[in-house]
C-alpha atoms as a PDB file:
ATOM      1  CA  MET A   1     -18.927 -95.602 -61.292  1.00  0.00           C
ATOM      2  CA  GLU A   2     -20.187 -92.354 -62.764  1.00  0.00           C
ATOM      3  CA  GLU A   3     -21.608 -90.225 -59.967  1.00  0.00           C
ATOM      4  CA  THR A   4     -24.584 -89.214 -62.113  1.00  0.00           C
ATOM      5  CA  LYS A   5     -25.879 -92.765 -62.560  1.00  0.00           C
ATOM      6  CA  LYS A   6     -28.660 -93.454 -60.117  1.00  0.00           C
ATOM      7  CA  LEU A   7     -28.614 -96.834 -58.447  1.00  0.00           C
ATOM      8  CA  ILE A   8     -31.521 -99.030 -59.459  1.00  0.00           C
ATOM      9  CA  ILE A   9     -32.896-101.523 -56.934  1.00  0.00           C
ATOM     10  CA  MET A  10     -34.128-104.573 -58.833  1.00  0.00           C
ATOM     11  CA  PRO A  11     -35.803-107.522 -57.100  1.00  0.00           C
ATOM     12  CA  CYS A  12     -35.501-110.677 -59.191  1.00  0.00           C
ATOM     13  CA  LEU A  13     -38.126-113.389 -59.452  1.00  0.00           C
ATOM     14  CA  ASP A  14     -36.788-116.747 -60.587  1.00  0.00           C
ATOM     15  CA  MET A  15     -39.658-118.887 -61.834  1.00  0.00           C
ATOM     16  CA  ILE A  16     -40.347-122.573 -62.411  1.00  0.00           C
ATOM     17  CA  ASN A  17     -43.775-123.710 -63.656  1.00  0.00           C
ATOM     18  CA  GLY A  18     -45.208-120.222 -63.138  1.00  0.00           C
ATOM     19  CA  ARG A  19     -44.182-120.027 -59.448  1.00  0.00           C
ATOM     20  CA  VAL A  20     -41.498-117.844 -57.901  1.00  0.00           C
ATOM     21  CA  VAL A  21     -38.659-119.955 -56.482  1.00  0.00           C
ATOM     22  CA  LYS A  22     -35.282-119.378 -54.864  1.00  0.00           C
ATOM     23  CA  GLY A  23     -32.221-121.594 -55.054  1.00  0.00           C
ATOM     24  CA  VAL A  24     -28.690-121.677 -53.666  1.00  0.00           C
ATOM     25  CA  ASN A  25     -25.748-122.013 -56.105  1.00  0.00           C
ATOM     26  CA  PHE A  26     -28.367-122.513 -58.869  1.00  0.00           C
ATOM     27  CA  VAL A  27     -29.852-125.596 -57.088  1.00  0.00           C
ATOM     28  CA  ASP A  28     -31.746-126.445 -53.825  1.00  0.00           C
ATOM     29  CA  ILE A  29     -34.949-124.770 -55.033  1.00  0.00           C
ATOM     30  CA  LYS A  30     -37.680-123.492 -52.640  1.00  0.00           C
ATOM     31  CA  ASP A  31     -41.106-122.056 -53.481  1.00  0.00           C
ATOM     32  CA  ALA A  32     -41.379-118.310 -52.819  1.00  0.00           C
ATOM     33  CA  GLY A  33     -44.872-117.423 -54.046  1.00  0.00           C
ATOM     34  CA  ASP A  34     -47.098-116.199 -56.862  1.00  0.00           C
ATOM     35  CA  PRO A  35     -45.327-113.924 -59.385  1.00  0.00           C
ATOM     36  CA  VAL A  36     -48.145-111.395 -59.750  1.00  0.00           C
ATOM     37  CA  GLU A  37     -48.562-110.981 -55.985  1.00  0.00           C
ATOM     38  CA  CYS A  38     -44.781-110.738 -55.527  1.00  0.00           C
ATOM     39  CA  CYS A  39     -44.507-108.105 -58.255  1.00  0.00           C
ATOM     40  CA  LYS A  40     -47.343-106.003 -56.810  1.00  0.00           C
ATOM     41  CA  ALA A  41     -45.715-106.128 -53.378  1.00  0.00           C
ATOM     42  CA  TYR A  42     -42.346-105.052 -54.792  1.00  0.00           C
ATOM     43  CA  CYS A  43     -43.874-102.138 -56.709  1.00  0.00           C
ATOM     44  CA  ALA A  44     -45.621-100.992 -53.516  1.00  0.00           C
ATOM     45  CA  ALA A  45     -42.353-101.308 -51.570  1.00  0.00           C
ATOM     46  CA  GLY A  46     -40.471 -98.979 -53.913  1.00  0.00           C
ATOM     47  CA  ALA A  47     -38.596-101.281 -56.308  1.00  0.00           C
ATOM     48  CA  ASP A  48     -37.214 -99.288 -59.260  1.00  0.00           C
ATOM     49  CA  GLU A  49     -37.372-102.172 -61.729  1.00  0.00           C
ATOM     50  CA  LEU A  50     -38.123-105.907 -61.658  1.00  0.00           C
ATOM     51  CA  ALA A  51     -36.495-108.908 -63.295  1.00  0.00           C
ATOM     52  CA  MET A  52     -38.208-112.218 -63.968  1.00  0.00           C
ATOM     53  CA  LEU A  53     -36.327-115.292 -65.108  1.00  0.00           C
ATOM     54  CA  ASP A  54     -37.994-118.482 -66.307  1.00  0.00           C
ATOM     55  CA  ILE A  55     -35.000-120.472 -65.099  1.00  0.00           C
ATOM     56  CA  THR A  56     -35.783-123.862 -66.631  1.00  0.00           C
ATOM     57  CA  ALA A  57     -37.125-122.721 -70.027  1.00  0.00           C
ATOM     58  CA  THR A  58     -33.776-123.101 -71.817  1.00  0.00           C
ATOM     59  CA  VAL A  59     -32.901-126.540 -70.411  1.00  0.00           C
ATOM     60  CA  GLU A  60     -36.440-127.780 -70.986  1.00  0.00           C
ATOM     61  CA  GLY A  61     -36.217-126.497 -74.562  1.00  0.00           C
ATOM     62  CA  ARG A  62     -39.413-124.483 -74.311  1.00  0.00           C
ATOM     63  CA  LYS A  63     -40.497-120.887 -74.754  1.00  0.00           C
ATOM     64  CA  THR A  64     -41.005-118.323 -72.019  1.00  0.00           C
ATOM     65  CA  MET A  65     -44.354-118.521 -70.204  1.00  0.00           C
ATOM     66  CA  LEU A  66     -46.102-115.680 -72.022  1.00  0.00           C
ATOM     67  CA  GLU A  67     -49.291-115.937 -69.965  1.00  0.00           C
ATOM     68  CA  THR A  68     -47.288-115.118 -66.832  1.00  0.00           C
ATOM     69  CA  VAL A  69     -45.594-112.213 -68.643  1.00  0.00           C
ATOM     70  CA  ARG A  70     -49.030-110.808 -69.571  1.00  0.00           C
ATOM     71  CA  LYS A  71     -50.370-111.091 -66.018  1.00  0.00           C
ATOM     72  CA  VAL A  72     -47.296-109.426 -64.554  1.00  0.00           C
ATOM     73  CA  ALA A  73     -47.348-106.665 -67.199  1.00  0.00           C
ATOM     74  CA  ASP A  74     -50.933-105.860 -66.195  1.00  0.00           C
ATOM     75  CA  ALA A  75     -49.984-105.659 -62.519  1.00  0.00           C
ATOM     76  CA  VAL A  76     -46.653-103.815 -62.391  1.00  0.00           C
ATOM     77  CA  THR A  77     -46.014-100.077 -62.190  1.00  0.00           C
ATOM     78  CA  VAL A  78     -42.251-100.217 -62.900  1.00  0.00           C
ATOM     79  CA  PRO A  79     -40.264-101.500 -65.909  1.00  0.00           C
ATOM     80  CA  PHE A  80     -39.674-105.226 -65.910  1.00  0.00           C
ATOM     81  CA  THR A  81     -37.141-107.424 -67.675  1.00  0.00           C
ATOM     82  CA  MET A  82     -38.062-110.968 -68.720  1.00  0.00           C
ATOM     83  CA  GLY A  83     -35.516-113.712 -69.338  1.00  0.00           C
ATOM     84  CA  GLY A  84     -35.439-117.448 -69.944  1.00  0.00           C
ATOM     85  CA  GLY A  85     -36.134-119.356 -73.139  1.00  0.00           C
ATOM     86  CA  ILE A  86     -35.712-116.359 -75.460  1.00  0.00           C
ATOM     87  CA  SER A  87     -33.915-118.203 -78.234  1.00  0.00           C
ATOM     88  CA  SER A  88     -34.699-116.067 -81.293  1.00  0.00           C
ATOM     89  CA  VAL A  89     -35.731-112.586 -82.422  1.00  0.00           C
ATOM     90  CA  LYS A  90     -39.257-113.945 -82.929  1.00  0.00           C
ATOM     91  CA  ALA A  91     -39.361-115.270 -79.335  1.00  0.00           C
ATOM     92  CA  ALA A  92     -38.159-111.868 -78.103  1.00  0.00           C
ATOM     93  CA  ALA A  93     -40.908-110.131 -80.096  1.00  0.00           C
ATOM     94  CA  GLU A  94     -43.535-112.363 -78.433  1.00  0.00           C
ATOM     95  CA  VAL A  95     -42.213-111.468 -74.977  1.00  0.00           C
ATOM     96  CA  PHE A  96     -42.318-107.736 -75.807  1.00  0.00           C
ATOM     97  CA  GLU A  97     -45.825-108.108 -77.268  1.00  0.00           C
ATOM     98  CA  SER A  98     -46.884-109.787 -74.012  1.00  0.00           C
ATOM     99  CA  GLY A  99     -45.893-106.650 -72.114  1.00  0.00           C
ATOM    100  CA  ALA A 100     -42.271-106.971 -70.968  1.00  0.00           C
ATOM    101  CA  ASP A 101     -40.280-103.717 -71.102  1.00  0.00           C
ATOM    102  CA  LYS A 102     -36.913-105.400 -71.594  1.00  0.00           C
ATOM    103  CA  ILE A 103     -35.577-108.883 -72.219  1.00  0.00           C
ATOM    104  CA  SER A 104     -32.607-110.779 -70.860  1.00  0.00           C
ATOM    105  CA  THR A 105     -30.892-113.500 -72.872  1.00  0.00           C
ATOM    106  CA  SER A 106     -27.901-115.696 -72.154  1.00  0.00           C
ATOM    107  CA  SER A 107     -27.479-119.178 -73.662  1.00  0.00           C
ATOM    108  CA  ALA A 108     -29.054-118.398 -77.058  1.00  0.00           C
ATOM    109  CA  VAL A 109     -26.808-115.417 -77.768  1.00  0.00           C
ATOM    110  CA  PHE A 110     -23.747-117.279 -76.546  1.00  0.00           C
ATOM    111  CA  ARG A 111     -24.466-119.979 -79.122  1.00  0.00           C
ATOM    112  CA  ASN A 112     -25.301-117.383 -81.794  1.00  0.00           C
ATOM    113  CA  PRO A 113     -23.588-114.046 -81.004  1.00  0.00           C
ATOM    114  CA  ASP A 114     -24.979-112.389 -84.159  1.00  0.00           C
ATOM    115  CA  MET A 115     -28.405-112.613 -82.527  1.00  0.00           C
ATOM    116  CA  ILE A 116     -27.271-109.833 -80.154  1.00  0.00           C
ATOM    117  CA  GLY A 117     -26.906-107.448 -83.088  1.00  0.00           C
ATOM    118  CA  GLU A 118     -30.283-108.518 -84.476  1.00  0.00           C
ATOM    119  CA  LEU A 119     -32.000-107.924 -81.121  1.00  0.00           C
ATOM    120  CA  VAL A 120     -30.390-104.487 -80.785  1.00  0.00           C
ATOM    121  CA  LYS A 121     -31.398-103.565 -84.346  1.00  0.00           C
ATOM    122  CA  ASN A 122     -34.988-104.786 -83.950  1.00  0.00           C
ATOM    123  CA  PHE A 123     -35.841-103.536 -80.468  1.00  0.00           C
ATOM    124  CA  GLY A 124     -33.219-100.958 -79.427  1.00  0.00           C
ATOM    125  CA  ALA A 125     -30.079-101.451 -77.335  1.00  0.00           C
ATOM    126  CA  GLU A 126     -31.711-100.114 -74.156  1.00  0.00           C
ATOM    127  CA  LYS A 127     -34.202-103.014 -74.186  1.00  0.00           C
ATOM    128  CA  ILE A 128     -31.636-105.809 -74.340  1.00  0.00           C
ATOM    129  CA  THR A 129     -29.805-107.295 -71.345  1.00  0.00           C
ATOM    130  CA  VAL A 130     -27.200-109.991 -71.877  1.00  0.00           C
ATOM    131  CA  ALA A 131     -26.888-112.246 -68.835  1.00  0.00           C
ATOM    132  CA  ILE A 132     -23.555-113.973 -68.258  1.00  0.00           C
ATOM    133  CA  ASP A 133     -23.399-116.837 -65.749  1.00  0.00           C
ATOM    134  CA  VAL A 134     -19.862-117.537 -64.641  1.00  0.00           C
ATOM    135  CA  ALA A 135     -17.873-119.829 -62.373  1.00  0.00           C
ATOM    136  CA  GLN A 136     -14.380-119.280 -61.043  1.00  0.00           C
ATOM    137  CA  ASN A 137     -11.803-121.144 -63.108  1.00  0.00           C
ATOM    138  CA  ALA A 138      -8.090-120.456 -62.607  1.00  0.00           C
ATOM    139  CA  ALA A 139      -7.331-121.788 -66.103  1.00  0.00           C
ATOM    140  CA  MET A 140      -9.093-118.784 -67.679  1.00  0.00           C
ATOM    141  CA  PRO A 141      -7.117-115.527 -68.227  1.00  0.00           C
ATOM    142  CA  SER A 142      -9.588-113.554 -66.046  1.00  0.00           C
ATOM    143  CA  GLY A 143     -10.162-116.430 -63.608  1.00  0.00           C
ATOM    144  CA  TYR A 144     -13.815-116.742 -64.709  1.00  0.00           C
ATOM    145  CA  GLU A 145     -15.455-119.106 -67.194  1.00  0.00           C
ATOM    146  CA  VAL A 146     -18.815-118.576 -68.930  1.00  0.00           C
ATOM    147  CA  PHE A 147     -21.515-121.171 -68.201  1.00  0.00           C
ATOM    148  CA  ILE A 148     -24.784-121.544 -70.126  1.00  0.00           C
ATOM    149  CA  ASP A 149     -28.040-123.542 -69.823  1.00  0.00           C
ATOM    150  CA  GLY A 150     -28.905-122.107 -66.416  1.00  0.00           C
ATOM    151  CA  GLY A 151     -25.354-122.561 -65.162  1.00  0.00           C
ATOM    152  CA  ARG A 152     -25.203-126.241 -66.126  1.00  0.00           C
ATOM    153  CA  THR A 153     -22.884-126.232 -69.159  1.00  0.00           C
ATOM    154  CA  ALA A 154     -19.235-125.118 -69.134  1.00  0.00           C
ATOM    155  CA  THR A 155     -18.104-123.323 -72.315  1.00  0.00           C
ATOM    156  CA  ASN A 156     -14.313-123.057 -71.954  1.00  0.00           C
ATOM    157  CA  THR A 157     -14.727-119.338 -72.715  1.00  0.00           C
ATOM    158  CA  ASP A 158     -13.243-116.535 -70.654  1.00  0.00           C
ATOM    159  CA  ALA A 159     -15.987-114.406 -69.102  1.00  0.00           C
ATOM    160  CA  ILE A 160     -14.266-111.052 -69.637  1.00  0.00           C
ATOM    161  CA  GLU A 161     -13.468-111.812 -73.290  1.00  0.00           C
ATOM    162  CA  TRP A 162     -17.127-112.709 -73.807  1.00  0.00           C
ATOM    163  CA  THR A 163     -18.208-109.507 -72.020  1.00  0.00           C
ATOM    164  CA  LYS A 164     -16.083-107.425 -74.435  1.00  0.00           C
ATOM    165  CA  LYS A 165     -17.678-109.153 -77.397  1.00  0.00           C
ATOM    166  CA  VAL A 166     -21.176-108.525 -75.994  1.00  0.00           C
ATOM    167  CA  ALA A 167     -20.378-104.850 -75.334  1.00  0.00           C
ATOM    168  CA  ASP A 168     -19.131-104.429 -78.922  1.00  0.00           C
ATOM    169  CA  TYR A 169     -22.681-105.121 -80.137  1.00  0.00           C
ATOM    170  CA  GLY A 170     -23.832-101.994 -78.279  1.00  0.00           C
ATOM    171  CA  VAL A 171     -25.739-103.782 -75.514  1.00  0.00           C
ATOM    172  CA  LYS A 172     -26.575-101.297 -72.749  1.00  0.00           C
ATOM    173  CA  THR A 173     -26.988-103.752 -69.834  1.00  0.00           C
ATOM    174  CA  ILE A 174     -24.867-106.721 -68.761  1.00  0.00           C
ATOM    175  CA  LEU A 175     -25.987-109.051 -65.974  1.00  0.00           C
ATOM    176  CA  PRO A 176     -23.171-111.239 -64.606  1.00  0.00           C
ATOM    177  CA  THR A 177     -24.006-113.879 -61.989  1.00  0.00           C
ATOM    178  CA  SER A 178     -21.299-115.811 -60.190  1.00  0.00           C
ATOM    179  CA  LYS A 179     -22.305-119.423 -59.457  1.00  0.00           C
ATOM    180  CA  SER A 180     -20.167-119.484 -56.315  1.00  0.00           C
ATOM    181  CA  THR A 181     -22.016-116.571 -54.670  1.00  0.00           C
ATOM    182  CA  ASP A 182     -25.549-117.212 -55.991  1.00  0.00           C
ATOM    183  CA  GLY A 183     -28.105-117.370 -53.163  1.00  0.00           C
ATOM    184  CA  VAL A 184     -25.530-117.823 -50.373  1.00  0.00           C
ATOM    185  CA  ARG A 185     -25.896-114.276 -48.961  1.00  0.00           C
ATOM    186  CA  THR A 186     -22.149-113.784 -48.356  1.00  0.00           C
ATOM    187  CA  GLY A 187     -21.843-110.835 -50.748  1.00  0.00           C
ATOM    188  CA  TYR A 188     -21.629-110.276 -54.491  1.00  0.00           C
ATOM    189  CA  ASP A 189     -18.562-111.401 -56.451  1.00  0.00           C
ATOM    190  CA  LEU A 190     -16.808-108.005 -56.350  1.00  0.00           C
ATOM    191  CA  PRO A 191     -13.717-108.905 -58.434  1.00  0.00           C
ATOM    192  CA  LEU A 192     -16.079-110.057 -61.202  1.00  0.00           C
ATOM    193  CA  ILE A 193     -17.951-106.729 -61.146  1.00  0.00           C
ATOM    194  CA  ARG A 194     -14.671-104.771 -61.179  1.00  0.00           C
ATOM    195  CA  ASN A 195     -13.309-106.844 -64.074  1.00  0.00           C
ATOM    196  CA  ILE A 196     -16.455-106.228 -66.114  1.00  0.00           C
ATOM    197  CA  ARG A 197     -16.542-102.511 -65.262  1.00  0.00           C
ATOM    198  CA  ALA A 198     -12.960-102.242 -66.561  1.00  0.00           C
ATOM    199  CA  VAL A 199     -14.031-103.319 -70.068  1.00  0.00           C
ATOM    200  CA  THR A 200     -17.464-101.688 -70.549  1.00  0.00           C
ATOM    201  CA  ASP A 201     -19.469 -98.517 -69.899  1.00  0.00           C
ATOM    202  CA  ALA A 202     -22.726-100.501 -70.037  1.00  0.00           C
ATOM    203  CA  ASP A 203     -25.001-100.718 -67.009  1.00  0.00           C
ATOM    204  CA  ILE A 204     -23.828-103.602 -64.831  1.00  0.00           C
ATOM    205  CA  VAL A 205     -26.349-105.590 -62.826  1.00  0.00           C
ATOM    206  CA  ALA A 206     -24.887-106.987 -59.595  1.00  0.00           C
ATOM    207  CA  SER A 207     -26.440-110.411 -59.157  1.00  0.00           C
ATOM    208  CA  GLY A 208     -25.938-113.354 -56.829  1.00  0.00           C
ATOM    209  CA  GLY A 209     -25.017-113.192 -53.171  1.00  0.00           C
ATOM    210  CA  ALA A 210     -26.623-110.215 -51.421  1.00  0.00           C
ATOM    211  CA  GLY A 211     -27.137-110.877 -47.711  1.00  0.00           C
ATOM    212  CA  THR A 212     -26.750-107.500 -46.018  1.00  0.00           C
ATOM    213  CA  MET A 213     -27.235-103.847 -46.941  1.00  0.00           C
ATOM    214  CA  GLU A 214     -23.457-103.469 -46.863  1.00  0.00           C
ATOM    215  CA  HIS A 215     -23.210-105.972 -49.728  1.00  0.00           C
ATOM    216  CA  PHE A 216     -25.293-103.664 -51.953  1.00  0.00           C
ATOM    217  CA  ALA A 217     -23.001-100.722 -51.140  1.00  0.00           C
ATOM    218  CA  GLU A 218     -19.914-102.836 -51.919  1.00  0.00           C
ATOM    219  CA  ALA A 219     -21.344-103.814 -55.316  1.00  0.00           C
ATOM    220  CA  ALA A 220     -22.066-100.172 -56.149  1.00  0.00           C
ATOM    221  CA  GLU A 221     -18.528 -99.211 -55.150  1.00  0.00           C
ATOM    222  CA  ALA A 222     -17.174-101.998 -57.375  1.00  0.00           C
ATOM    223  CA  GLY A 223     -18.980-100.498 -60.385  1.00  0.00           C
ATOM    224  CA  ALA A 224     -22.498-101.959 -60.514  1.00  0.00           C
ATOM    225  CA  ASN A 225     -25.335 -99.483 -60.905  1.00  0.00           C
ATOM    226  CA  ILE A 226     -28.259-101.934 -60.935  1.00  0.00           C
ATOM    227  CA  LEU A 227     -28.485-103.930 -57.708  1.00  0.00           C
ATOM    228  CA  LEU A 228     -30.403-107.158 -58.137  1.00  0.00           C
ATOM    229  CA  ALA A 229     -31.353-109.558 -55.352  1.00  0.00           C
ATOM    230  CA  ALA A 230     -33.926-112.255 -54.752  1.00  0.00           C
ATOM    231  CA  SER A 231     -33.988-114.167 -51.475  1.00  0.00           C
ATOM    232  CA  VAL A 232     -33.250-111.214 -49.163  1.00  0.00           C
ATOM    233  CA  PHE A 233     -36.266-109.407 -50.637  1.00  0.00           C
ATOM    234  CA  HIS A 234     -38.560-112.451 -50.974  1.00  0.00           C
ATOM    235  CA  PHE A 235     -38.022-113.511 -47.376  1.00  0.00           C
ATOM    236  CA  LYS A 236     -37.988-109.910 -46.059  1.00  0.00           C
ATOM    237  CA  VAL A 237     -34.428-110.088 -44.715  1.00  0.00           C
ATOM    238  CA  ILE A 238     -34.012-106.601 -46.209  1.00  0.00           C
ATOM    239  CA  GLU A 239     -36.839-104.122 -46.901  1.00  0.00           C
ATOM    240  CA  ILE A 240     -36.398-101.917 -49.983  1.00  0.00           C
ATOM    241  CA  PRO A 241     -37.177 -98.542 -48.284  1.00  0.00           C
ATOM    242  CA  ALA A 242     -34.604 -99.281 -45.562  1.00  0.00           C
ATOM    243  CA  LEU A 243     -32.028-100.303 -48.179  1.00  0.00           C
ATOM    244  CA  LYS A 244     -32.557 -97.084 -50.154  1.00  0.00           C
ATOM    245  CA  ALA A 245     -32.214 -95.001 -46.981  1.00  0.00           C
ATOM    246  CA  PHE A 246     -28.989 -96.851 -46.114  1.00  0.00           C
ATOM    247  CA  LEU A 247     -27.484 -96.308 -49.569  1.00  0.00           C
ATOM    248  CA  LYS A 248     -28.483 -92.644 -49.572  1.00  0.00           C
ATOM    249  CA  GLU A 249     -26.802 -92.221 -46.195  1.00  0.00           C
ATOM    250  CA  ARG A 250     -23.665 -93.731 -47.692  1.00  0.00           C
ATOM    251  CA  GLY A 251     -23.700 -91.013 -50.362  1.00  0.00           C
ATOM    252  CA  PHE A 252     -25.105 -93.025 -53.259  1.00  0.00           C
ATOM    253  CA  ASN A 253     -27.544 -91.504 -55.728  1.00  0.00           C
ATOM    254  CA  VAL A 254     -30.811 -93.473 -55.274  1.00  0.00           C
ATOM    255  CA  ARG A 255     -34.293 -92.906 -56.638  1.00  0.00           C
END
């Protein structure tokens, strides 16, 4: 990791029906509160950025909940990324018009990779995050297979090959989530982060599996510079100011 890159602490709000939820391994969903109240609390606690994912929009074949995006945009004081159900350039434009600073897209761009180039051209590379959900699969050259539709659909595509393709479009942020570590609080999938760092200079968002402050440090050492977590923040297992102090003590550059 470049020493100059500051670590970004990014709480993530997964949403279903306008409520914040948290699952384990992409299932076993629990309610975790109102998105606007959660976002306000995170801003007050010192989050650097926020991510919101409408996690059933794609499978339900519907658009992102724009009303929620508007309410959150009015309430937050840090940049926020919105994902889920963004299936076209027009849908992305609506999310930006509703107040999101950045968008995250996964299934739609996997099915239509040229859309990545269109998004970059229309809105700027720094505003586009490509999320890549993966599961371990020994049959793949890298040992990881891309999944789409909220982790439900296998693609028979190697995750690192797909990452290279995404990076070639000039995307500035890549968000890999490993299904095996998602929500289980046993640590991020470090080999996945290292493999992705080896093929791109883009910002890498560590996602899925944080349970201790040490896990955040491990992800940063592996090459992630945006540290995303959900349940440990929602349920106050880890407080953001304490996490930043811990990372600073470990010699990381934090805001």
